[in-house]
Structure formats: C-alpha cells, structure tokens
Amino acid sequence: MAMNKIQFQAGLSLHEFLHQYGTEAQCEAALFAARWPHGWRCLRCDGERYSCTHNGRKLWECLDCDYQCFSIVGTMFENTKLSLKTWFPAIYLMTQSKNAVSALELKRQLGVSYKTA
C-alpha cells in the first residue's frame, strides 16, 4: 500500500500556521510566491513589466499587453467568494487530518455555512 506523503511530512502546528497565514495579505503573498517563484509573469504574453493596484485584492496589469489579473486567476480560488484567509485554514485542516474532515467539522471550525463547507 502506498504511503500518503502529505500525512507523513513535517507539518506546522496550528499556532505556527496561524502566525504564517493569519491575514489575507499573508495568504495572498504565499499564493503569489507559489505561483510566481521567480517574479510576476503575464499570463498572456509572458511579459515581466507590470503595475500593481490594490482594491481589495491586488490587481496586476501587464505593461506590455495591458492584460489584467488577480493572483487567484487560474487557481482553485478563481471563482470563490470566500477570502484566502478562510480557504487556507480549510486546506490546512484537510491536509493535517489523519482521517477525512467532514463538511460539518469544516463548518464548525471555519464559521461558514454547511453548504459552503
């Protein structure tokens, strides 16, 4: 039987996790770093020149082709109404649990509706 590598990796304690990903800005910075480890690149023309505006979430605009996108475009978070500050703990709970996490447990832990969980 194959070993589940996610369960057996060194994980963060809940305290460490909340310290690293406790704010929307920290979650967005982590998503940006994972998505563009070598700096922002345009999804359309692969350009590196950009401007960034902040209206809730950061909006990145390519200065070469004028393409605009948020950090969440093209990710599992793209069409969500939930904040990254809600999504990150949900992912943490699901990956740190030995057994499956029920929707009812996510509802309780995250303070979201059952339908959302």
PDB file of N, CA and C in Angstrom:
ATOM      1  N   MET A   1       0.843  -1.178   0.000  1.00  0.00           N
ATOM      2  CA  MET A   1       0.000   0.000   0.000  1.00  0.00           C
ATOM      3  C   MET A   1       0.891   1.245   0.000  1.00  0.00           C
ATOM      4  N   ALA A   2       0.588   2.203  -0.850  1.00  0.00           N
ATOM      5  CA  ALA A   2       1.393   3.425  -0.971  1.00  0.00           C
ATOM      6  C   ALA A   2       1.198   4.324   0.241  1.00  0.00           C
ATOM      7  N   MET A   3       2.293   4.949   0.661  1.00  0.00           N
ATOM      8  CA  MET A   3       2.243   5.849   1.812  1.00  0.00           C
ATOM      9  C   MET A   3       1.733   7.222   1.365  1.00  0.00           C
ATOM     10  N   ASN A   4       0.850   7.800   2.143  1.00  0.00           N
ATOM     11  CA  ASN A   4       0.357   9.143   1.869  1.00  0.00           C
ATOM     12  C   ASN A   4       1.425  10.139   2.302  1.00  0.00           C
ATOM     13  N   LYS A   5       2.132  10.729   1.349  1.00  0.00           N
ATOM     14  CA  LYS A   5       3.257  11.605   1.658  1.00  0.00           C
ATOM     15  C   LYS A   5       2.824  12.886   2.351  1.00  0.00           C
ATOM     16  N   ILE A   6       1.619  13.338   2.080  1.00  0.00           N
ATOM     17  CA  ILE A   6       1.147  14.570   2.722  1.00  0.00           C
ATOM     18  C   ILE A   6       1.012  14.363   4.225  1.00  0.00           C
ATOM     19  N   GLN A   7       0.480  13.224   4.646  1.00  0.00           N
ATOM     20  CA  GLN A   7       0.272  12.984   6.071  1.00  0.00           C
ATOM     21  C   GLN A   7       1.582  12.816   6.830  1.00  0.00           C
ATOM     22  N   PHE A   8       2.609  12.320   6.182  1.00  0.00           N
ATOM     23  CA  PHE A   8       3.833  11.992   6.897  1.00  0.00           C
ATOM     24  C   PHE A   8       4.938  13.037   6.746  1.00  0.00           C
ATOM     25  N   GLN A   9       4.611  14.178   6.156  1.00  0.00           N
ATOM     26  CA  GLN A   9       5.613  15.239   6.096  1.00  0.00           C
ATOM     27  C   GLN A   9       5.561  16.072   7.368  1.00  0.00           C
ATOM     28  N   ALA A  10       6.663  16.724   7.658  1.00  0.00           N
ATOM     29  CA  ALA A  10       6.693  17.585   8.841  1.00  0.00           C
ATOM     30  C   ALA A  10       5.729  18.738   8.614  1.00  0.00           C
ATOM     31  N   GLY A  11       4.763  18.871   9.484  1.00  0.00           N
ATOM     32  CA  GLY A  11       3.751  19.897   9.313  1.00  0.00           C
ATOM     33  C   GLY A  11       3.931  21.043  10.287  1.00  0.00           C
ATOM     34  N   LEU A  12       3.122  22.042  10.098  1.00  0.00           N
ATOM     35  CA  LEU A  12       3.107  23.179  11.004  1.00  0.00           C
ATOM     36  C   LEU A  12       2.110  22.923  12.118  1.00  0.00           C
ATOM     37  N   SER A  13       2.413  23.408  13.292  1.00  0.00           N
ATOM     38  CA  SER A  13       1.406  23.374  14.347  1.00  0.00           C
ATOM     39  C   SER A  13       0.349  24.408  13.984  1.00  0.00           C
ATOM     40  N   LEU A  14      -0.806  24.335  14.597  1.00  0.00           N
ATOM     41  CA  LEU A  14      -1.867  25.300  14.327  1.00  0.00           C
ATOM     42  C   LEU A  14      -1.386  26.712  14.651  1.00  0.00           C
ATOM     43  N   HIS A  15      -0.654  26.854  15.744  1.00  0.00           N
ATOM     44  CA  HIS A  15      -0.124  28.162  16.132  1.00  0.00           C
ATOM     45  C   HIS A  15       0.820  28.712  15.058  1.00  0.00           C
ATOM     46  N   GLU A  16       1.727  27.868  14.559  1.00  0.00           N
ATOM     47  CA  GLU A  16       2.660  28.290  13.511  1.00  0.00           C
ATOM     48  C   GLU A  16       1.917  28.644  12.224  1.00  0.00           C
ATOM     49  N   PHE A  17       0.921  27.819  11.899  1.00  0.00           N
ATOM     50  CA  PHE A  17       0.137  28.068  10.693  1.00  0.00           C
ATOM     51  C   PHE A  17      -0.558  29.421  10.767  1.00  0.00           C
ATOM     52  N   LEU A  18      -1.224  29.697  11.888  1.00  0.00           N
ATOM     53  CA  LEU A  18      -1.939  30.966  12.036  1.00  0.00           C
ATOM     54  C   LEU A  18      -0.981  32.152  12.058  1.00  0.00           C
ATOM     55  N   HIS A  19       0.223  31.936  12.560  1.00  0.00           N
ATOM     56  CA  HIS A  19       1.226  33.001  12.557  1.00  0.00           C
ATOM     57  C   HIS A  19       1.674  33.316  11.126  1.00  0.00           C
ATOM     58  N   GLN A  20       1.828  32.280  10.299  1.00  0.00           N
ATOM     59  CA  GLN A  20       2.289  32.467   8.917  1.00  0.00           C
ATOM     60  C   GLN A  20       1.187  32.893   7.960  1.00  0.00           C
ATOM     61  N   TYR A  21      -0.042  32.418   8.194  1.00  0.00           N
ATOM     62  CA  TYR A  21      -1.132  32.650   7.246  1.00  0.00           C
ATOM     63  C   TYR A  21      -2.369  33.241   7.919  1.00  0.00           C
ATOM     64  N   GLY A  22      -2.178  34.071   8.911  1.00  0.00           N
ATOM     65  CA  GLY A  22      -3.292  34.603   9.690  1.00  0.00           C
ATOM     66  C   GLY A  22      -4.025  35.779   9.078  1.00  0.00           C
ATOM     67  N   THR A  23      -3.424  36.421   8.081  1.00  0.00           N
ATOM     68  CA  THR A  23      -4.082  37.570   7.462  1.00  0.00           C
ATOM     69  C   THR A  23      -4.263  37.321   5.971  1.00  0.00           C
ATOM     70  N   GLU A  24      -5.167  38.073   5.374  1.00  0.00           N
ATOM     71  CA  GLU A  24      -5.405  37.966   3.934  1.00  0.00           C
ATOM     72  C   GLU A  24      -4.128  38.306   3.159  1.00  0.00           C
ATOM     73  N   ALA A  25      -3.398  39.309   3.625  1.00  0.00           N
ATOM     74  CA  ALA A  25      -2.160  39.721   2.947  1.00  0.00           C
ATOM     75  C   ALA A  25      -1.109  38.612   2.989  1.00  0.00           C
ATOM     76  N   GLN A  26      -0.994  37.910   4.120  1.00  0.00           N
ATOM     77  CA  GLN A  26      -0.034  36.807   4.226  1.00  0.00           C
ATOM     78  C   GLN A  26      -0.423  35.660   3.294  1.00  0.00           C
ATOM     79  N   CYS A  27      -1.710  35.361   3.213  1.00  0.00           N
ATOM     80  CA  CYS A  27      -2.185  34.291   2.327  1.00  0.00           C
ATOM     81  C   CYS A  27      -1.940  34.660   0.867  1.00  0.00           C
ATOM     82  N   GLU A  28      -2.222  35.917   0.524  1.00  0.00           N
ATOM     83  CA  GLU A  28      -2.011  36.358  -0.853  1.00  0.00           C
ATOM     84  C   GLU A  28      -0.528  36.345  -1.217  1.00  0.00           C
ATOM     85  N   ALA A  29       0.327  36.735  -0.284  1.00  0.00           N
ATOM     86  CA  ALA A  29       1.775  36.703  -0.529  1.00  0.00           C
ATOM     87  C   ALA A  29       2.261  35.270  -0.728  1.00  0.00           C
ATOM     88  N   ALA A  30       1.726  34.328   0.046  1.00  0.00           N
ATOM     89  CA  ALA A  30       2.106  32.919  -0.099  1.00  0.00           C
ATOM     90  C   ALA A  30       1.641  32.369  -1.441  1.00  0.00           C
ATOM     91  N   LEU A  31       0.431  32.737  -1.851  1.00  0.00           N
ATOM     92  CA  LEU A  31      -0.088  32.303  -3.145  1.00  0.00           C
ATOM     93  C   LEU A  31       0.760  32.880  -4.276  1.00  0.00           C
ATOM     94  N   PHE A  32       1.113  34.160  -4.167  1.00  0.00           N
ATOM     95  CA  PHE A  32       1.954  34.808  -5.173  1.00  0.00           C
ATOM     96  C   PHE A  32       3.308  34.105  -5.272  1.00  0.00           C
ATOM     97  N   ALA A  33       3.925  33.815  -4.127  1.00  0.00           N
ATOM     98  CA  ALA A  33       5.244  33.163  -4.110  1.00  0.00           C
ATOM     99  C   ALA A  33       5.185  31.759  -4.707  1.00  0.00           C
ATOM    100  N   ALA A  34       4.094  31.044  -4.460  1.00  0.00           N
ATOM    101  CA  ALA A  34       3.952  29.698  -5.016  1.00  0.00           C
ATOM    102  C   ALA A  34       3.682  29.752  -6.519  1.00  0.00           C
ATOM    103  N   ARG A  35       2.924  30.734  -6.937  1.00  0.00           N
ATOM    104  CA  ARG A  35       2.535  30.837  -8.334  1.00  0.00           C
ATOM    105  C   ARG A  35       3.645  31.407  -9.211  1.00  0.00           C
ATOM    106  N   TRP A  36       4.316  32.431  -8.717  1.00  0.00           N
ATOM    107  CA  TRP A  36       5.375  33.101  -9.470  1.00  0.00           C
ATOM    108  C   TRP A  36       6.652  33.141  -8.638  1.00  0.00           C
ATOM    109  N   PRO A  37       7.334  32.012  -8.464  1.00  0.00           N
ATOM    110  CA  PRO A  37       8.523  31.977  -7.601  1.00  0.00           C
ATOM    111  C   PRO A  37       9.675  32.855  -8.100  1.00  0.00           C
ATOM    112  N   HIS A  38       9.698  33.170  -9.389  1.00  0.00           N
ATOM    113  CA  HIS A  38      10.772  33.995  -9.947  1.00  0.00           C
ATOM    114  C   HIS A  38      10.273  35.390 -10.314  1.00  0.00           C
ATOM    115  N   GLY A  39       9.164  35.806  -9.731  1.00  0.00           N
ATOM    116  CA  GLY A  39       8.592  37.116 -10.033  1.00  0.00           C
ATOM    117  C   GLY A  39       7.416  37.008 -10.983  1.00  0.00           C
ATOM    118  N   TRP A  40       6.593  38.027 -10.977  1.00  0.00           N
ATOM    119  CA  TRP A  40       5.361  38.029 -11.761  1.00  0.00           C
ATOM    120  C   TRP A  40       5.648  37.925 -13.252  1.00  0.00           C
ATOM    121  N   ARG A  41       4.840  37.116 -13.948  1.00  0.00           N
ATOM    122  CA  ARG A  41       4.896  36.985 -15.405  1.00  0.00           C
ATOM    123  C   ARG A  41       3.474  37.081 -15.925  1.00  0.00           C
ATOM    124  N   CYS A  42       3.307  37.784 -17.032  1.00  0.00           N
ATOM    125  CA  CYS A  42       1.987  37.932 -17.644  1.00  0.00           C
ATOM    126  C   CYS A  42       1.500  36.572 -18.142  1.00  0.00           C
ATOM    127  N   LEU A  43       0.244  36.284 -17.887  1.00  0.00           N
ATOM    128  CA  LEU A  43      -0.337  35.014 -18.318  1.00  0.00           C
ATOM    129  C   LEU A  43      -0.597  34.997 -19.822  1.00  0.00           C
ATOM    130  N   ARG A  44      -0.694  36.162 -20.426  1.00  0.00           N
ATOM    131  CA  ARG A  44      -0.972  36.250 -21.857  1.00  0.00           C
ATOM    132  C   ARG A  44       0.306  36.324 -22.698  1.00  0.00           C
ATOM    133  N   CYS A  45       1.204  37.274 -22.381  1.00  0.00           N
ATOM    134  CA  CYS A  45       2.376  37.496 -23.249  1.00  0.00           C
ATOM    135  C   CYS A  45       3.699  37.112 -22.596  1.00  0.00           C
ATOM    136  N   ASP A  46       3.660  36.662 -21.344  1.00  0.00           N
ATOM    137  CA  ASP A  46       4.847  36.263 -20.588  1.00  0.00           C
ATOM    138  C   ASP A  46       5.769  37.448 -20.272  1.00  0.00           C
ATOM    139  N   GLY A  47       5.217  38.653 -20.352  1.00  0.00           N
ATOM    140  CA  GLY A  47       5.992  39.846 -20.029  1.00  0.00           C
ATOM    141  C   GLY A  47       6.282  39.942 -18.539  1.00  0.00           C
ATOM    142  N   GLU A  48       7.322  40.678 -18.204  1.00  0.00           N
ATOM    143  CA  GLU A  48       7.724  40.831 -16.805  1.00  0.00           C
ATOM    144  C   GLU A  48       7.437  42.221 -16.252  1.00  0.00           C
ATOM    145  N   ARG A  49       7.100  43.177 -17.121  1.00  0.00           N
ATOM    146  CA  ARG A  49       6.840  44.541 -16.657  1.00  0.00           C
ATOM    147  C   ARG A  49       5.375  44.661 -16.254  1.00  0.00           C
ATOM    148  N   TYR A  50       5.138  45.177 -15.076  1.00  0.00           N
ATOM    149  CA  TYR A  50       3.769  45.250 -14.581  1.00  0.00           C
ATOM    150  C   TYR A  50       3.584  46.439 -13.650  1.00  0.00           C
ATOM    151  N   SER A  51       2.323  46.750 -13.445  1.00  0.00           N
ATOM    152  CA  SER A  51       1.964  47.679 -12.372  1.00  0.00           C
ATOM    153  C   SER A  51       0.964  46.941 -11.496  1.00  0.00           C
ATOM    154  N   CYS A  52       0.885  47.352 -10.268  1.00  0.00           N
ATOM    155  CA  CYS A  52       0.017  46.667  -9.314  1.00  0.00           C
ATOM    156  C   CYS A  52      -0.832  47.700  -8.593  1.00  0.00           C
ATOM    157  N   THR A  53      -2.133  47.481  -8.592  1.00  0.00           N
ATOM    158  CA  THR A  53      -3.034  48.327  -7.818  1.00  0.00           C
ATOM    159  C   THR A  53      -3.714  47.454  -6.784  1.00  0.00           C
ATOM    160  N   HIS A  54      -4.172  48.062  -5.740  1.00  0.00           N
ATOM    161  CA  HIS A  54      -4.777  47.298  -4.649  1.00  0.00           C
ATOM    162  C   HIS A  54      -6.181  47.823  -4.394  1.00  0.00           C
ATOM    163  N   ASN A  55      -7.165  47.019  -4.744  1.00  0.00           N
ATOM    164  CA  ASN A  55      -8.556  47.355  -4.484  1.00  0.00           C
ATOM    165  C   ASN A  55      -9.200  46.103  -3.894  1.00  0.00           C
ATOM    166  N   GLY A  56      -8.965  45.855  -2.622  1.00  0.00           N
ATOM    167  CA  GLY A  56      -9.361  44.594  -2.001  1.00  0.00           C
ATOM    168  C   GLY A  56      -8.258  43.584  -2.219  1.00  0.00           C
ATOM    169  N   ARG A  57      -8.223  42.970  -3.397  1.00  0.00           N
ATOM    170  CA  ARG A  57      -7.124  42.086  -3.788  1.00  0.00           C
ATOM    171  C   ARG A  57      -6.225  42.827  -4.759  1.00  0.00           C
ATOM    172  N   LYS A  58      -4.977  42.430  -4.811  1.00  0.00           N
ATOM    173  CA  LYS A  58      -4.039  43.088  -5.726  1.00  0.00           C
ATOM    174  C   LYS A  58      -4.387  42.758  -7.171  1.00  0.00           C
ATOM    175  N   LEU A  59      -4.417  43.782  -8.001  1.00  0.00           N
ATOM    176  CA  LEU A  59      -4.671  43.632  -9.429  1.00  0.00           C
ATOM    177  C   LEU A  59      -3.362  43.898 -10.165  1.00  0.00           C
ATOM    178  N   TRP A  60      -2.914  42.906 -10.922  1.00  0.00           N
ATOM    179  CA  TRP A  60      -1.656  43.006 -11.662  1.00  0.00           C
ATOM    180  C   TRP A  60      -1.988  43.347 -13.108  1.00  0.00           C
ATOM    181  N   GLU A  61      -1.300  44.340 -13.665  1.00  0.00           N
ATOM    182  CA  GLU A  61      -1.519  44.725 -15.057  1.00  0.00           C
ATOM    183  C   GLU A  61      -0.197  44.689 -15.805  1.00  0.00           C
ATOM    184  N   CYS A  62      -0.190  43.950 -16.904  1.00  0.00           N
ATOM    185  CA  CYS A  62       0.996  43.853 -17.750  1.00  0.00           C
ATOM    186  C   CYS A  62       1.173  45.174 -18.497  1.00  0.00           C
ATOM    187  N   LEU A  63       2.358  45.730 -18.449  1.00  0.00           N
ATOM    188  CA  LEU A  63       2.626  46.991 -19.139  1.00  0.00           C
ATOM    189  C   LEU A  63       2.934  46.783 -20.621  1.00  0.00           C
ATOM    190  N   ASP A  64       3.076  45.527 -21.048  1.00  0.00           N
ATOM    191  CA  ASP A  64       3.337  45.234 -22.456  1.00  0.00           C
ATOM    192  C   ASP A  64       2.049  45.012 -23.247  1.00  0.00           C
ATOM    193  N   CYS A  65       1.097  44.267 -22.671  1.00  0.00           N
ATOM    194  CA  CYS A  65      -0.131  43.941 -23.419  1.00  0.00           C
ATOM    195  C   CYS A  65      -1.409  44.412 -22.719  1.00  0.00           C
ATOM    196  N   ASP A  66      -1.295  45.057 -21.575  1.00  0.00           N
ATOM    197  CA  ASP A  66      -2.429  45.594 -20.802  1.00  0.00           C
ATOM    198  C   ASP A  66      -3.346  44.520 -20.214  1.00  0.00           C
ATOM    199  N   TYR A  67      -2.902  43.274 -20.181  1.00  0.00           N
ATOM    200  CA  TYR A  67      -3.694  42.211 -19.557  1.00  0.00           C
ATOM    201  C   TYR A  67      -3.726  42.443 -18.050  1.00  0.00           C
ATOM    202  N   GLN A  68      -4.916  42.268 -17.454  1.00  0.00           N
ATOM    203  CA  GLN A  68      -5.073  42.444 -16.014  1.00  0.00           C
ATOM    204  C   GLN A  68      -5.500  41.128 -15.382  1.00  0.00           C
ATOM    205  N   CYS A  69      -4.964  40.840 -14.202  1.00  0.00           N
ATOM    206  CA  CYS A  69      -5.392  39.645 -13.487  1.00  0.00           C
ATOM    207  C   CYS A  69      -5.129  39.792 -11.996  1.00  0.00           C
ATOM    208  N   PHE A  70      -5.867  39.021 -11.239  1.00  0.00           N
ATOM    209  CA  PHE A  70      -5.645  38.898  -9.809  1.00  0.00           C
ATOM    210  C   PHE A  70      -4.774  37.663  -9.582  1.00  0.00           C
ATOM    211  N   SER A  71      -4.175  37.560  -8.409  1.00  0.00           N
ATOM    212  CA  SER A  71      -3.322  36.407  -8.090  1.00  0.00           C
ATOM    213  C   SER A  71      -4.085  35.093  -8.151  1.00  0.00           C
ATOM    214  N   ILE A  72      -5.397  35.138  -7.937  1.00  0.00           N
ATOM    215  CA  ILE A  72      -6.180  33.907  -7.867  1.00  0.00           C
ATOM    216  C   ILE A  72      -6.631  33.394  -9.232  1.00  0.00           C
ATOM    217  N   VAL A  73      -6.438  34.175 -10.307  1.00  0.00           N
ATOM    218  CA  VAL A  73      -6.854  33.752 -11.643  1.00  0.00           C
ATOM    219  C   VAL A  73      -6.084  32.494 -12.044  1.00  0.00           C
ATOM    220  N   GLY A  74      -6.813  31.492 -12.524  1.00  0.00           N
ATOM    221  CA  GLY A  74      -6.187  30.252 -12.960  1.00  0.00           C
ATOM    222  C   GLY A  74      -5.863  29.294 -11.828  1.00  0.00           C
ATOM    223  N   THR A  75      -6.368  29.571 -10.635  1.00  0.00           N
ATOM    224  CA  THR A  75      -6.152  28.683  -9.491  1.00  0.00           C
ATOM    225  C   THR A  75      -7.498  28.145  -9.016  1.00  0.00           C
ATOM    226  N   MET A  76      -7.466  27.280  -8.045  1.00  0.00           N
ATOM    227  CA  MET A  76      -8.710  26.747  -7.487  1.00  0.00           C
ATOM    228  C   MET A  76      -9.525  27.817  -6.764  1.00  0.00           C
ATOM    229  N   PHE A  77      -8.925  28.962  -6.501  1.00  0.00           N
ATOM    230  CA  PHE A  77      -9.598  30.044  -5.790  1.00  0.00           C
ATOM    231  C   PHE A  77     -10.278  31.033  -6.732  1.00  0.00           C
ATOM    232  N   GLU A  78     -10.188  30.841  -8.031  1.00  0.00           N
ATOM    233  CA  GLU A  78     -10.596  31.849  -9.009  1.00  0.00           C
ATOM    234  C   GLU A  78     -12.040  32.323  -8.864  1.00  0.00           C
ATOM    235  N   ASN A  79     -12.984  31.459  -8.747  1.00  0.00           N
ATOM    236  CA  ASN A  79     -14.390  31.868  -8.710  1.00  0.00           C
ATOM    237  C   ASN A  79     -14.994  31.841  -7.311  1.00  0.00           C
ATOM    238  N   THR A  80     -14.170  31.901  -6.309  1.00  0.00           N
ATOM    239  CA  THR A  80     -14.667  31.812  -4.943  1.00  0.00           C
ATOM    240  C   THR A  80     -15.118  33.164  -4.414  1.00  0.00           C
ATOM    241  N   LYS A  81     -16.057  33.115  -3.505  1.00  0.00           N
ATOM    242  CA  LYS A  81     -16.474  34.320  -2.791  1.00  0.00           C
ATOM    243  C   LYS A  81     -15.802  34.384  -1.424  1.00  0.00           C
ATOM    244  N   LEU A  82     -15.185  33.282  -1.022  1.00  0.00           N
ATOM    245  CA  LEU A  82     -14.510  33.235   0.274  1.00  0.00           C
ATOM    246  C   LEU A  82     -13.140  33.889   0.188  1.00  0.00           C
ATOM    247  N   SER A  83     -12.694  34.410   1.293  1.00  0.00           N
ATOM    248  CA  SER A  83     -11.361  35.008   1.344  1.00  0.00           C
ATOM    249  C   SER A  83     -10.309  33.901   1.411  1.00  0.00           C
ATOM    250  N   LEU A  84      -9.097  34.254   1.037  1.00  0.00           N
ATOM    251  CA  LEU A  84      -7.987  33.304   1.169  1.00  0.00           C
ATOM    252  C   LEU A  84      -7.754  32.975   2.635  1.00  0.00           C
ATOM    253  N   LYS A  85      -8.067  33.922   3.504  1.00  0.00           N
ATOM    254  CA  LYS A  85      -7.924  33.722   4.949  1.00  0.00           C
ATOM    255  C   LYS A  85      -8.867  32.623   5.455  1.00  0.00           C
ATOM    256  N   THR A  86      -9.926  32.343   4.728  1.00  0.00           N
ATOM    257  CA  THR A  86     -10.828  31.232   5.054  1.00  0.00           C
ATOM    258  C   THR A  86     -10.372  29.952   4.358  1.00  0.00           C
ATOM    259  N   TRP A  87      -9.929  30.068   3.112  1.00  0.00           N
ATOM    260  CA  TRP A  87      -9.501  28.902   2.343  1.00  0.00           C
ATOM    261  C   TRP A  87      -8.262  28.227   2.919  1.00  0.00           C
ATOM    262  N   PHE A  88      -7.267  29.014   3.305  1.00  0.00           N
ATOM    263  CA  PHE A  88      -6.015  28.429   3.780  1.00  0.00           C
ATOM    264  C   PHE A  88      -6.213  27.534   5.006  1.00  0.00           C
ATOM    265  N   PRO A  89      -6.961  27.968   6.039  1.00  0.00           N
ATOM    266  CA  PRO A  89      -7.200  27.056   7.170  1.00  0.00           C
ATOM    267  C   PRO A  89      -7.988  25.809   6.767  1.00  0.00           C
ATOM    268  N   ALA A  90      -8.904  25.942   5.797  1.00  0.00           N
ATOM    269  CA  ALA A  90      -9.652  24.768   5.333  1.00  0.00           C
ATOM    270  C   ALA A  90      -8.694  23.742   4.730  1.00  0.00           C
ATOM    271  N   ILE A  91      -7.771  24.211   3.926  1.00  0.00           N
ATOM    272  CA  ILE A  91      -6.778  23.320   3.320  1.00  0.00           C
ATOM    273  C   ILE A  91      -5.879  22.722   4.395  1.00  0.00           C
ATOM    274  N   TYR A  92      -5.487  23.549   5.355  1.00  0.00           N
ATOM    275  CA  TYR A  92      -4.660  23.068   6.467  1.00  0.00           C
ATOM    276  C   TYR A  92      -5.377  21.942   7.210  1.00  0.00           C
ATOM    277  N   LEU A  93      -6.640  22.158   7.560  1.00  0.00           N
ATOM    278  CA  LEU A  93      -7.392  21.143   8.308  1.00  0.00           C
ATOM    279  C   LEU A  93      -7.513  19.846   7.517  1.00  0.00           C
ATOM    280  N   MET A  94      -7.752  19.947   6.210  1.00  0.00           N
ATOM    281  CA  MET A  94      -7.920  18.744   5.395  1.00  0.00           C
ATOM    282  C   MET A  94      -6.608  17.992   5.193  1.00  0.00           C
ATOM    283  N   THR A  95      -5.496  18.699   5.131  1.00  0.00           N
ATOM    284  CA  THR A  95      -4.221  18.013   4.892  1.00  0.00           C
ATOM    285  C   THR A  95      -3.560  17.518   6.168  1.00  0.00           C
ATOM    286  N   GLN A  96      -3.932  18.051   7.314  1.00  0.00           N
ATOM    287  CA  GLN A  96      -3.306  17.643   8.566  1.00  0.00           C
ATOM    288  C   GLN A  96      -4.095  16.564   9.298  1.00  0.00           C
ATOM    289  N   SER A  97      -5.289  16.280   8.818  1.00  0.00           N
ATOM    290  CA  SER A  97      -6.127  15.279   9.463  1.00  0.00           C
ATOM    291  C   SER A  97      -5.738  13.875   9.006  1.00  0.00           C
ATOM    292  N   LYS A  98      -5.701  12.947   9.955  1.00  0.00           N
ATOM    293  CA  LYS A  98      -5.409  11.557   9.612  1.00  0.00           C
ATOM    294  C   LYS A  98      -6.555  10.953   8.810  1.00  0.00           C
ATOM    295  N   ASN A  99      -7.759  11.284   9.221  1.00  0.00           N
ATOM    296  CA  ASN A  99      -8.957  10.817   8.533  1.00  0.00           C
ATOM    297  C   ASN A  99      -9.572  11.988   7.777  1.00  0.00           C
ATOM    298  N   ALA A 100     -10.570  11.698   7.006  1.00  0.00           N
ATOM    299  CA  ALA A 100     -11.248  12.756   6.258  1.00  0.00           C
ATOM    300  C   ALA A 100     -11.900  13.756   7.212  1.00  0.00           C
ATOM    301  N   VAL A 101     -11.983  14.992   6.784  1.00  0.00           N
ATOM    302  CA  VAL A 101     -12.647  16.032   7.561  1.00  0.00           C
ATOM    303  C   VAL A 101     -14.033  16.215   6.963  1.00  0.00           C
ATOM    304  N   SER A 102     -15.049  16.132   7.794  1.00  0.00           N
ATOM    305  CA  SER A 102     -16.416  16.268   7.298  1.00  0.00           C
ATOM    306  C   SER A 102     -16.750  17.726   7.030  1.00  0.00           C
ATOM    307  N   ALA A 103     -17.767  17.929   6.211  1.00  0.00           N
ATOM    308  CA  ALA A 103     -18.242  19.287   5.943  1.00  0.00           C
ATOM    309  C   ALA A 103     -18.755  19.924   7.226  1.00  0.00           C
ATOM    310  N   LEU A 104     -19.357  19.132   8.100  1.00  0.00           N
ATOM    311  CA  LEU A 104     -19.856  19.657   9.368  1.00  0.00           C
ATOM    312  C   LEU A 104     -18.700  20.157  10.236  1.00  0.00           C
ATOM    313  N   GLU A 105     -17.588  19.437  10.233  1.00  0.00           N
ATOM    314  CA  GLU A 105     -16.423  19.869  11.002  1.00  0.00           C
ATOM    315  C   GLU A 105     -15.828  21.155  10.425  1.00  0.00           C
ATOM    316  N   LEU A 106     -15.748  21.242   9.093  1.00  0.00           N
ATOM    317  CA  LEU A 106     -15.266  22.480   8.474  1.00  0.00           C
ATOM    318  C   LEU A 106     -16.195  23.646   8.801  1.00  0.00           C
ATOM    319  N   LYS A 107     -17.486  23.386   8.788  1.00  0.00           N
ATOM    320  CA  LYS A 107     -18.468  24.418   9.149  1.00  0.00           C
ATOM    321  C   LYS A 107     -18.191  24.939  10.550  1.00  0.00           C
ATOM    322  N   ARG A 108     -17.981  24.034  11.477  1.00  0.00           N
ATOM    323  CA  ARG A 108     -17.720  24.418  12.874  1.00  0.00           C
ATOM    324  C   ARG A 108     -16.397  25.167  13.022  1.00  0.00           C
ATOM    325  N   GLN A 109     -15.357  24.633  12.425  1.00  0.00           N
ATOM    326  CA  GLN A 109     -14.019  25.197  12.599  1.00  0.00           C
ATOM    327  C   GLN A 109     -13.839  26.549  11.907  1.00  0.00           C
ATOM    328  N   LEU A 110     -14.462  26.711  10.750  1.00  0.00           N
ATOM    329  CA  LEU A 110     -14.231  27.916   9.949  1.00  0.00           C
ATOM    330  C   LEU A 110     -15.323  28.968  10.085  1.00  0.00           C
ATOM    331  N   GLY A 111     -16.458  28.571  10.665  1.00  0.00           N
ATOM    332  CA  GLY A 111     -17.553  29.521  10.817  1.00  0.00           C
ATOM    333  C   GLY A 111     -18.245  29.848   9.502  1.00  0.00           C
ATOM    334  N   VAL A 112     -18.322  28.870   8.619  1.00  0.00           N
ATOM    335  CA  VAL A 112     -19.015  29.052   7.344  1.00  0.00           C
ATOM    336  C   VAL A 112     -20.265  28.182   7.349  1.00  0.00           C
ATOM    337  N   SER A 113     -21.118  28.354   6.356  1.00  0.00           N
ATOM    338  CA  SER A 113     -22.331  27.545   6.285  1.00  0.00           C
ATOM    339  C   SER A 113     -21.979  26.109   5.882  1.00  0.00           C
ATOM    340  N   TYR A 114     -22.900  25.202   6.152  1.00  0.00           N
ATOM    341  CA  TYR A 114     -22.693  23.803   5.773  1.00  0.00           C
ATOM    342  C   TYR A 114     -22.557  23.691   4.256  1.00  0.00           C
ATOM    343  N   LYS A 115     -23.368  24.442   3.530  1.00  0.00           N
ATOM    344  CA  LYS A 115     -23.327  24.414   2.064  1.00  0.00           C
ATOM    345  C   LYS A 115     -21.959  24.875   1.552  1.00  0.00           C
ATOM    346  N   THR A 116     -21.405  25.884   2.178  1.00  0.00           N
ATOM    347  CA  THR A 116     -20.081  26.380   1.791  1.00  0.00           C
ATOM    348  C   THR A 116     -19.007  25.349   2.094  1.00  0.00           C
ATOM    349  N   ALA A 117     -19.104  24.726   3.262  1.00  0.00           N
ATOM    350  CA  ALA A 117     -18.113  23.729   3.671  1.00  0.00           C
ATOM    351  C   ALA A 117     -18.181  22.521   2.765  1.00  0.00           C
TER     352      ALA A 117
END
